[in-house]
N, C-alpha and C. Protein backbone atom coordinates (compact mmCIF):
# COMPACT_ATOMS: atom_id res chain seq x y z
N MET A 1 -126.77 137.77 94.91
CA MET A 1 -126.33 137.80 93.47
C MET A 1 -125.19 137.09 93.64
N GLN A 2 -124.38 137.36 94.99
CA GLN A 2 -124.32 135.51 95.31
C GLN A 2 -124.15 134.71 95.91
N MET A 3 -125.63 134.07 96.14
CA MET A 3 -125.87 133.37 96.15
C MET A 3 -127.06 132.72 94.60
N ARG A 4 -127.23 133.37 93.76
CA ARG A 4 -128.13 132.64 92.56
C ARG A 4 -126.72 131.97 92.20
N SER A 5 -125.11 133.47 92.37
CA SER A 5 -123.77 132.42 91.64
C SER A 5 -124.08 131.45 92.23
N ALA A 6 -123.78 130.59 93.86
CA ALA A 6 -123.93 129.44 94.34
C ALA A 6 -124.07 128.79 94.18
N PHE A 7 -126.03 128.94 94.05
CA PHE A 7 -127.27 127.73 93.21
C PHE A 7 -127.21 126.90 91.92
N LEU A 8 -126.58 128.03 91.18
CA LEU A 8 -125.55 127.60 89.87
C LEU A 8 -125.03 127.07 90.10
N SER A 9 -124.17 127.10 90.60
CA SER A 9 -122.34 126.38 90.65
C SER A 9 -123.45 124.68 91.06
N ILE A 10 -123.86 124.56 92.19
CA ILE A 10 -124.68 123.47 92.61
C ILE A 10 -124.61 123.38 91.66
N ALA A 11 -125.69 123.73 91.00
CA ALA A 11 -126.52 123.08 89.88
C ALA A 11 -126.28 121.88 88.59
N LEU A 12 -124.58 122.95 88.61
CA LEU A 12 -123.82 122.77 87.47
C LEU A 12 -122.46 121.44 87.90
N ALA A 13 -122.84 121.04 89.34
CA ALA A 13 -122.04 119.93 89.56
C ALA A 13 -122.80 118.90 89.60
N LEU A 14 -123.80 119.00 89.62
CA LEU A 14 -125.17 117.62 90.42
C LEU A 14 -125.28 117.12 88.89
N VAL A 15 -125.06 118.01 88.02
CA VAL A 15 -125.04 118.00 86.00
C VAL A 15 -124.48 117.49 85.39
N THR A 16 -123.36 117.88 86.27
CA THR A 16 -122.26 117.06 84.50
C THR A 16 -121.51 115.81 85.59
N ALA A 17 -122.27 115.58 87.36
CA ALA A 17 -121.74 114.23 88.40
C ALA A 17 -122.50 113.47 87.18
N GLY A 18 -123.74 113.52 86.95
CA GLY A 18 -124.13 111.91 86.67
C GLY A 18 -124.09 111.88 84.79
N CYS A 19 -123.21 112.92 84.07
CA CYS A 19 -122.30 112.82 82.88
C CYS A 19 -121.11 111.26 83.01
N ALA A 20 -120.54 112.00 84.66
CA ALA A 20 -119.02 111.03 84.66
C ALA A 20 -120.23 109.12 85.13
N ARG A 21 -118.32 109.13 84.69
CA ARG A 21 -118.02 107.65 84.61
C ARG A 21 -117.17 106.99 84.97
N PRO A 22 -116.80 105.71 86.03
CA PRO A 22 -115.85 106.07 86.93
C PRO A 22 -115.00 104.87 85.32
N HIS A 23 -113.37 105.27 85.06
CA HIS A 23 -112.41 104.98 84.30
C HIS A 23 -111.92 103.30 84.99
N THR A 24 -112.59 102.96 83.64
CA THR A 24 -112.43 100.89 83.40
C THR A 24 -110.92 100.60 82.74
N ALA A 25 -109.82 99.93 83.55
CA ALA A 25 -109.53 99.40 82.48
C ALA A 25 -108.76 99.15 80.81
N PRO A 26 -108.66 99.29 80.13
CA PRO A 26 -109.99 98.62 78.99
C PRO A 26 -109.69 96.53 79.03
N ALA A 27 -108.16 96.32 79.40
CA ALA A 27 -107.70 94.87 78.96
C ALA A 27 -109.41 93.85 80.49
N ALA A 28 -109.92 95.39 81.71
CA ALA A 28 -111.48 94.64 81.85
C ALA A 28 -111.69 95.28 81.62
N GLN A 29 -112.70 95.66 80.72
CA GLN A 29 -113.41 95.52 79.42
C GLN A 29 -113.69 94.61 78.41
N ALA A 30 -112.43 93.90 78.50
CA ALA A 30 -112.06 92.91 77.30
C ALA A 30 -111.78 91.65 77.72
N ALA A 31 -111.73 91.94 78.73
CA ALA A 31 -111.93 90.13 79.05
C ALA A 31 -113.34 89.20 79.37
N ALA A 32 -112.98 88.00 79.23
CA ALA A 32 -113.80 86.44 78.77
C ALA A 32 -114.35 86.16 79.63
N PRO A 33 -115.58 86.09 80.21
CA PRO A 33 -115.89 85.37 81.83
C PRO A 33 -115.62 84.69 81.48
N THR A 34 -114.99 82.88 80.81
CA THR A 34 -114.54 81.80 81.00
C THR A 34 -113.02 82.32 80.36
N LEU A 35 -112.91 81.10 80.92
CA LEU A 35 -111.31 81.57 80.31
C LEU A 35 -111.00 79.94 79.59
N THR A 36 -110.37 80.72 78.58
CA THR A 36 -109.80 79.80 77.45
C THR A 36 -108.81 79.56 77.26
N GLY A 37 -108.69 78.89 76.18
CA GLY A 37 -107.19 78.02 75.47
C GLY A 37 -106.23 77.74 76.60
N ASP A 38 -106.99 76.77 77.51
CA ASP A 38 -106.73 75.85 79.14
C ASP A 38 -106.80 74.31 79.08
N PRO A 39 -106.43 73.66 78.56
CA PRO A 39 -106.38 72.90 78.40
C PRO A 39 -107.42 71.61 79.55
N ALA A 40 -106.37 72.35 80.68
CA ALA A 40 -107.19 71.90 81.85
C ALA A 40 -108.13 72.38 82.83
N HIS A 41 -108.72 73.24 82.38
CA HIS A 41 -108.97 74.24 82.72
C HIS A 41 -110.02 75.24 81.53
N PRO A 42 -110.77 74.12 80.55
CA PRO A 42 -111.61 73.91 79.67
C PRO A 42 -112.76 74.47 80.20
N ALA A 43 -112.93 76.24 78.96
CA ALA A 43 -114.34 77.58 78.80
C ALA A 43 -115.94 76.59 79.19
N GLN A 44 -116.19 74.95 78.74
CA GLN A 44 -116.93 74.60 78.43
C GLN A 44 -116.85 72.57 79.01
N THR A 45 -116.97 72.28 79.82
CA THR A 45 -117.64 70.74 80.75
C THR A 45 -118.52 69.72 79.19
N GLN A 46 -117.91 68.83 79.44
CA GLN A 46 -119.10 67.81 78.83
C GLN A 46 -118.33 66.55 79.44
N GLY A 47 -119.21 66.05 80.45
CA GLY A 47 -117.98 64.67 81.29
C GLY A 47 -117.60 64.74 81.99
N TRP A 48 -117.98 65.49 82.57
CA TRP A 48 -117.29 66.31 84.43
C TRP A 48 -117.48 65.84 85.30
N VAL A 49 -117.02 65.69 86.07
CA VAL A 49 -117.25 65.11 87.92
C VAL A 49 -116.75 65.41 88.50
N ASP A 50 -116.90 65.53 89.96
CA ASP A 50 -117.44 66.79 90.56
C ASP A 50 -116.73 65.36 92.23
N THR A 51 -116.41 65.31 92.79
CA THR A 51 -115.82 63.99 93.95
C THR A 51 -115.15 64.81 94.98
N ARG A 52 -116.24 64.39 96.05
CA ARG A 52 -115.80 65.15 97.41
C ARG A 52 -115.35 63.63 98.01
N LEU A 53 -114.11 63.79 99.12
CA LEU A 53 -113.94 62.40 99.98
C LEU A 53 -113.94 63.62 101.78
N ILE A 54 -114.51 63.05 102.29
CA ILE A 54 -113.93 62.83 103.87
C ILE A 54 -113.26 62.14 103.84
N PHE A 55 -111.78 63.03 104.59
CA PHE A 55 -110.58 62.55 105.86
C PHE A 55 -111.57 62.40 106.93
N GLY A 56 -111.41 61.23 107.53
CA GLY A 56 -110.84 61.75 109.54
C GLY A 56 -109.61 62.59 110.14
N LEU A 57 -109.43 62.69 110.83
CA LEU A 57 -108.51 63.08 111.28
C LEU A 57 -108.14 62.84 112.79
N GLY A 58 -108.68 62.72 113.09
CA GLY A 58 -108.67 62.18 115.12
C GLY A 58 -109.63 63.06 115.42
N PRO A 59 -109.64 62.74 116.48
CA PRO A 59 -111.02 63.20 117.97
C PRO A 59 -110.63 64.37 117.44
N ALA A 60 -112.14 64.26 117.24
CA ALA A 60 -112.16 66.43 117.68
C ALA A 60 -112.55 66.73 118.93
N ASP A 61 -111.76 66.05 120.59
CA ASP A 61 -111.86 66.47 121.61
C ASP A 61 -110.00 66.94 121.92
N HIS A 62 -109.73 66.06 121.37
CA HIS A 62 -108.59 66.34 121.56
C HIS A 62 -107.13 65.97 120.18
N LEU A 63 -106.90 67.52 120.32
CA LEU A 63 -105.84 67.74 119.29
C LEU A 63 -104.54 67.24 119.19
N ASP A 64 -104.56 66.37 119.93
CA ASP A 64 -102.59 65.98 119.84
C ASP A 64 -102.99 64.50 119.52
N GLN A 65 -103.97 64.24 119.00
CA GLN A 65 -104.23 63.14 118.53
C GLN A 65 -104.47 63.00 117.61
N GLY A 66 -103.75 61.83 117.10
CA GLY A 66 -104.65 61.42 115.46
C GLY A 66 -103.59 62.41 114.42
N VAL A 67 -104.33 61.98 112.88
CA VAL A 67 -103.51 63.39 111.51
C VAL A 67 -102.41 65.20 112.30
N SER A 68 -101.73 64.92 112.55
CA SER A 68 -101.88 66.82 112.52
C SER A 68 -101.52 67.13 111.17
N GLU A 69 -101.31 68.58 111.38
CA GLU A 69 -101.93 70.01 109.68
C GLU A 69 -100.86 69.12 109.18
N ALA A 70 -99.40 69.29 109.15
CA ALA A 70 -98.15 69.51 109.05
C ALA A 70 -98.41 67.37 108.35
N ASP A 71 -99.00 67.41 108.90
CA ASP A 71 -99.03 65.51 108.04
C ASP A 71 -100.32 65.35 106.77
N TRP A 72 -101.47 66.14 106.67
CA TRP A 72 -102.07 65.43 105.98
C TRP A 72 -101.83 66.79 105.33
N ARG A 73 -101.08 67.45 104.85
CA ARG A 73 -100.19 68.32 104.33
C ARG A 73 -98.89 67.58 103.29
N ALA A 74 -98.83 66.86 104.03
CA ALA A 74 -97.76 65.95 103.94
C ALA A 74 -98.54 65.02 102.78
N PHE A 75 -100.00 64.79 103.70
CA PHE A 75 -100.29 64.10 102.67
C PHE A 75 -100.64 64.24 101.10
N LEU A 76 -101.01 66.01 101.36
CA LEU A 76 -101.62 66.65 99.75
C LEU A 76 -100.54 66.37 98.93
N ASP A 77 -99.16 66.35 99.72
CA ASP A 77 -98.52 66.75 98.65
C ASP A 77 -97.84 65.79 98.23
N LYS A 78 -97.84 65.04 98.77
CA LYS A 78 -97.22 63.82 97.91
C LYS A 78 -98.12 62.78 97.46
N GLU A 79 -99.93 62.95 97.90
CA GLU A 79 -100.81 61.45 97.13
C GLU A 79 -101.03 61.86 96.31
N VAL A 80 -102.04 63.20 96.72
CA VAL A 80 -103.57 64.33 95.62
C VAL A 80 -102.60 64.91 95.28
N THR A 81 -102.14 65.88 95.25
CA THR A 81 -101.39 66.99 94.08
C THR A 81 -100.69 66.09 93.32
N PRO A 82 -99.56 65.12 92.87
CA PRO A 82 -99.71 64.68 91.99
C PRO A 82 -100.64 64.49 91.00
N ARG A 83 -101.72 63.96 91.33
CA ARG A 83 -102.31 63.37 91.24
C ARG A 83 -103.64 63.49 90.25
N PHE A 84 -103.66 65.65 90.81
CA PHE A 84 -104.65 65.82 90.09
C PHE A 84 -104.22 67.90 90.52
N PRO A 85 -103.18 67.81 89.82
CA PRO A 85 -101.99 68.90 89.50
C PRO A 85 -102.77 70.52 89.70
N SER A 86 -104.04 70.32 88.59
CA SER A 86 -104.41 71.10 87.98
C SER A 86 -105.30 72.26 88.53
N GLY A 87 -106.00 71.80 89.59
CA GLY A 87 -106.96 72.36 90.57
C GLY A 87 -107.50 71.71 92.21
N LEU A 88 -107.51 71.90 93.02
CA LEU A 88 -108.37 70.79 94.21
C LEU A 88 -108.39 72.12 94.73
N SER A 89 -109.80 71.57 96.14
CA SER A 89 -110.17 72.60 97.34
C SER A 89 -110.40 71.54 98.35
N VAL A 90 -109.78 72.28 99.61
CA VAL A 90 -109.48 71.31 100.92
C VAL A 90 -110.70 71.68 102.48
N LEU A 91 -111.88 71.43 102.76
CA LEU A 91 -112.60 72.00 103.52
C LEU A 91 -112.26 71.88 105.09
N ASP A 92 -112.12 72.28 106.22
CA ASP A 92 -111.58 71.73 107.32
C ASP A 92 -113.27 71.19 107.67
N LEU A 93 -113.67 70.51 108.10
CA LEU A 93 -114.53 70.05 109.19
C LEU A 93 -114.36 69.43 110.17
N TYR A 94 -115.80 68.51 110.81
CA TYR A 94 -116.48 68.53 111.69
C TYR A 94 -116.52 67.28 111.66
N GLY A 95 -116.87 66.19 111.26
CA GLY A 95 -117.48 65.29 111.29
C GLY A 95 -118.31 63.89 112.66
N GLN A 96 -119.09 63.12 112.23
CA GLN A 96 -118.90 61.63 112.90
C GLN A 96 -119.02 60.46 112.51
N TRP A 97 -118.26 59.53 113.10
CA TRP A 97 -118.06 58.09 112.82
C TRP A 97 -118.85 57.04 113.25
N GLN A 98 -119.21 56.18 112.71
CA GLN A 98 -119.58 55.19 113.35
C GLN A 98 -119.30 54.06 113.00
N GLY A 99 -117.99 53.42 113.44
CA GLY A 99 -117.49 51.74 112.58
C GLY A 99 -118.31 51.06 112.75
N LYS A 100 -118.15 49.54 111.68
CA LYS A 100 -118.94 48.79 111.96
C LYS A 100 -119.30 47.92 113.84
N ASP A 101 -117.67 47.86 114.50
CA ASP A 101 -117.69 47.59 116.35
C ASP A 101 -117.36 48.88 116.86
N GLN A 102 -117.99 49.40 116.65
CA GLN A 102 -118.38 50.88 117.44
C GLN A 102 -119.48 51.19 118.15
N PRO A 103 -119.67 51.12 119.67
CA PRO A 103 -121.17 51.16 119.94
C PRO A 103 -121.62 52.40 119.37
N GLU A 104 -121.38 53.59 119.77
CA GLU A 104 -122.00 54.64 119.31
C GLU A 104 -120.70 55.38 118.69
N PRO A 105 -121.46 56.66 117.85
CA PRO A 105 -120.44 57.16 116.99
C PRO A 105 -119.26 57.91 117.36
N LYS A 106 -118.10 58.57 116.78
CA LYS A 106 -116.70 59.31 116.97
C LYS A 106 -116.92 59.81 116.60
N ARG A 107 -116.66 61.40 117.33
CA ARG A 107 -116.62 62.41 116.56
C ARG A 107 -114.98 63.05 116.48
N LEU A 108 -115.39 63.36 114.80
CA LEU A 108 -114.26 63.65 114.28
C LEU A 108 -113.09 65.61 113.81
N ARG A 109 -112.07 65.66 113.72
CA ARG A 109 -111.28 66.65 113.23
C ARG A 109 -111.64 65.86 111.34
N SER A 110 -112.12 66.81 110.55
CA SER A 110 -111.66 66.08 109.31
C SER A 110 -112.14 67.48 108.49
N LYS A 111 -111.05 66.36 106.74
CA LYS A 111 -110.73 67.19 105.95
C LYS A 111 -111.90 66.86 105.09
N MET A 112 -112.38 67.81 104.08
CA MET A 112 -112.82 67.12 102.56
C MET A 112 -112.32 67.77 101.79
N LEU A 113 -111.71 67.02 100.17
CA LEU A 113 -111.68 67.15 99.19
C LEU A 113 -112.50 66.89 98.02
N ILE A 114 -111.60 67.57 97.41
CA ILE A 114 -112.93 69.18 96.84
C ILE A 114 -112.87 69.13 95.48
N VAL A 115 -112.74 67.89 94.21
CA VAL A 115 -111.59 68.01 92.89
C VAL A 115 -112.62 67.70 91.74
N TYR A 116 -111.98 68.80 90.58
CA TYR A 116 -113.50 68.52 90.24
C TYR A 116 -112.43 67.67 88.58
N TYR A 117 -112.47 67.02 87.47
CA TYR A 117 -112.34 66.10 86.85
C TYR A 117 -113.02 64.83 85.93
N ALA A 118 -112.66 65.73 84.35
CA ALA A 118 -113.13 64.80 83.59
C ALA A 118 -112.93 63.48 83.23
N ASP A 119 -114.55 63.26 83.69
CA ASP A 119 -114.94 61.20 84.28
C ASP A 119 -114.14 60.26 83.22
N THR A 120 -112.67 60.14 83.57
CA THR A 120 -112.73 59.30 82.30
C THR A 120 -112.33 58.23 83.61
N GLN A 121 -112.37 56.29 83.27
CA GLN A 121 -111.71 55.62 84.30
C GLN A 121 -110.51 56.12 85.12
N GLU A 122 -109.59 56.62 83.93
CA GLU A 122 -107.83 56.96 84.79
C GLU A 122 -107.85 57.90 86.05
N ASN A 123 -109.39 58.66 86.17
CA ASN A 123 -109.51 59.78 87.06
C ASN A 123 -110.21 58.80 87.93
N ARG A 124 -111.01 58.11 87.73
CA ARG A 124 -111.58 57.60 88.60
C ARG A 124 -110.01 56.17 90.00
N GLY A 125 -109.58 56.46 88.70
CA GLY A 125 -108.77 55.45 89.31
C GLY A 125 -107.16 55.91 90.40
N LYS A 126 -107.53 57.34 90.25
CA LYS A 126 -106.36 57.86 91.34
C LYS A 126 -107.01 58.54 92.17
N ILE A 127 -109.12 58.51 92.25
CA ILE A 127 -109.33 59.62 93.36
C ILE A 127 -109.30 58.17 94.57
N ASP A 128 -109.53 57.05 92.86
CA ASP A 128 -109.32 55.24 94.68
C ASP A 128 -108.31 54.51 95.07
N ALA A 129 -106.98 55.66 94.02
CA ALA A 129 -105.13 55.79 94.67
C ALA A 129 -105.66 56.42 96.03
N ILE A 130 -105.95 57.25 96.06
CA ILE A 130 -106.15 58.13 96.66
C ILE A 130 -106.49 57.28 98.50
N ARG A 131 -107.91 57.88 98.16
CA ARG A 131 -108.74 56.71 99.62
C ARG A 131 -107.72 55.69 100.16
N ALA A 132 -106.71 54.61 98.70
CA ALA A 132 -106.02 53.49 99.45
C ALA A 132 -105.26 53.29 99.94
N ALA A 133 -104.58 54.96 99.96
CA ALA A 133 -103.38 55.86 100.27
C ALA A 133 -103.53 56.32 101.96
N TRP A 134 -104.80 57.44 102.00
CA TRP A 134 -105.20 57.13 103.28
C TRP A 134 -105.23 56.13 104.72
N LYS A 135 -106.22 55.17 103.70
CA LYS A 135 -106.20 53.72 105.26
C LYS A 135 -105.65 53.46 105.04
N GLN A 136 -104.53 52.94 104.20
CA GLN A 136 -102.77 52.23 104.77
C GLN A 136 -102.12 53.04 105.46
N LYS A 137 -102.40 54.83 105.32
CA LYS A 137 -101.18 55.67 106.72
C LYS A 137 -102.00 55.62 108.09
N THR A 138 -103.60 54.98 107.89
CA THR A 138 -104.32 55.66 109.37
C THR A 138 -104.85 54.36 109.56
N GLY A 139 -104.93 53.51 109.14
CA GLY A 139 -106.18 52.22 109.28
C GLY A 139 -106.79 53.13 108.69
N ASP A 140 -107.61 53.80 108.89
CA ASP A 140 -108.73 53.65 108.71
C ASP A 140 -109.69 52.64 107.79
N GLN A 141 -110.83 52.97 107.53
CA GLN A 141 -111.27 51.56 107.79
C GLN A 141 -112.45 52.27 106.30
N SER A 142 -113.21 53.34 105.98
CA SER A 142 -112.85 54.21 105.80
C SER A 142 -112.50 55.79 104.59
N VAL A 143 -112.97 56.10 103.65
CA VAL A 143 -112.60 57.18 103.36
C VAL A 143 -113.89 57.77 102.43
N LEU A 144 -115.08 58.20 102.83
CA LEU A 144 -116.58 58.67 102.18
C LEU A 144 -116.34 59.41 100.68
N ARG A 145 -115.97 58.90 99.29
CA ARG A 145 -116.00 59.48 98.07
C ARG A 145 -117.68 60.03 97.44
N VAL A 146 -118.03 60.54 97.60
CA VAL A 146 -119.50 61.43 96.79
C VAL A 146 -119.26 61.83 95.43
N THR A 147 -119.46 61.83 94.87
CA THR A 147 -118.70 61.44 92.86
C THR A 147 -120.15 62.40 92.26
N GLY A 148 -120.15 63.60 91.34
CA GLY A 148 -121.55 63.77 90.85
C GLY A 148 -121.01 64.30 89.30
N PRO A 149 -122.33 63.97 88.28
CA PRO A 149 -121.80 64.51 87.19
C PRO A 149 -122.05 66.42 88.13
N VAL A 150 -121.55 67.15 86.70
CA VAL A 150 -121.46 68.83 86.75
C VAL A 150 -120.98 69.49 85.87
N ASP A 151 -120.98 70.66 85.78
CA ASP A 151 -121.54 71.34 84.54
C ASP A 151 -120.51 72.45 84.51
N VAL A 152 -118.65 72.75 84.47
CA VAL A 152 -118.14 73.90 85.35
C VAL A 152 -117.62 75.28 84.44
N SER A 153 -117.06 76.18 84.58
CA SER A 153 -116.13 76.98 83.95
C SER A 153 -115.91 77.13 84.55
N PHE A 154 -113.83 77.38 83.57
CA PHE A 154 -113.87 78.11 84.55
C PHE A 154 -112.87 79.57 84.34
């Protein structure tokens, strides 16, 4: 009898376990899949672009040479963030670059800046200003720019 009672208890527990569902907060159930009501981060976009800028910081094998992390952040705070305060991303990279008068490529610590924005002449001018500011600061010949159309949703 005890065995039968234990078996029934286990069977009842298994049957009722299938009826249980995890508790979800009401706010999470009602959340929209995209951000709405924020003009800087629209739910749907048309005419937006993705720009990636590659900045050389200095020799990969000599961390004491070139632009320090503190100097990079100061540049980001002064030249980039005021132009694109709504958001951006920065990635650490390793890259190679061969200048026009160099016999072989230089191996560099680098940063990639990624910015999504409405494709306007004003915004493209901001990107060019960032590139010019970096070249003036460092004496670099170039800041690689890659820009392409994107479909974004926030």
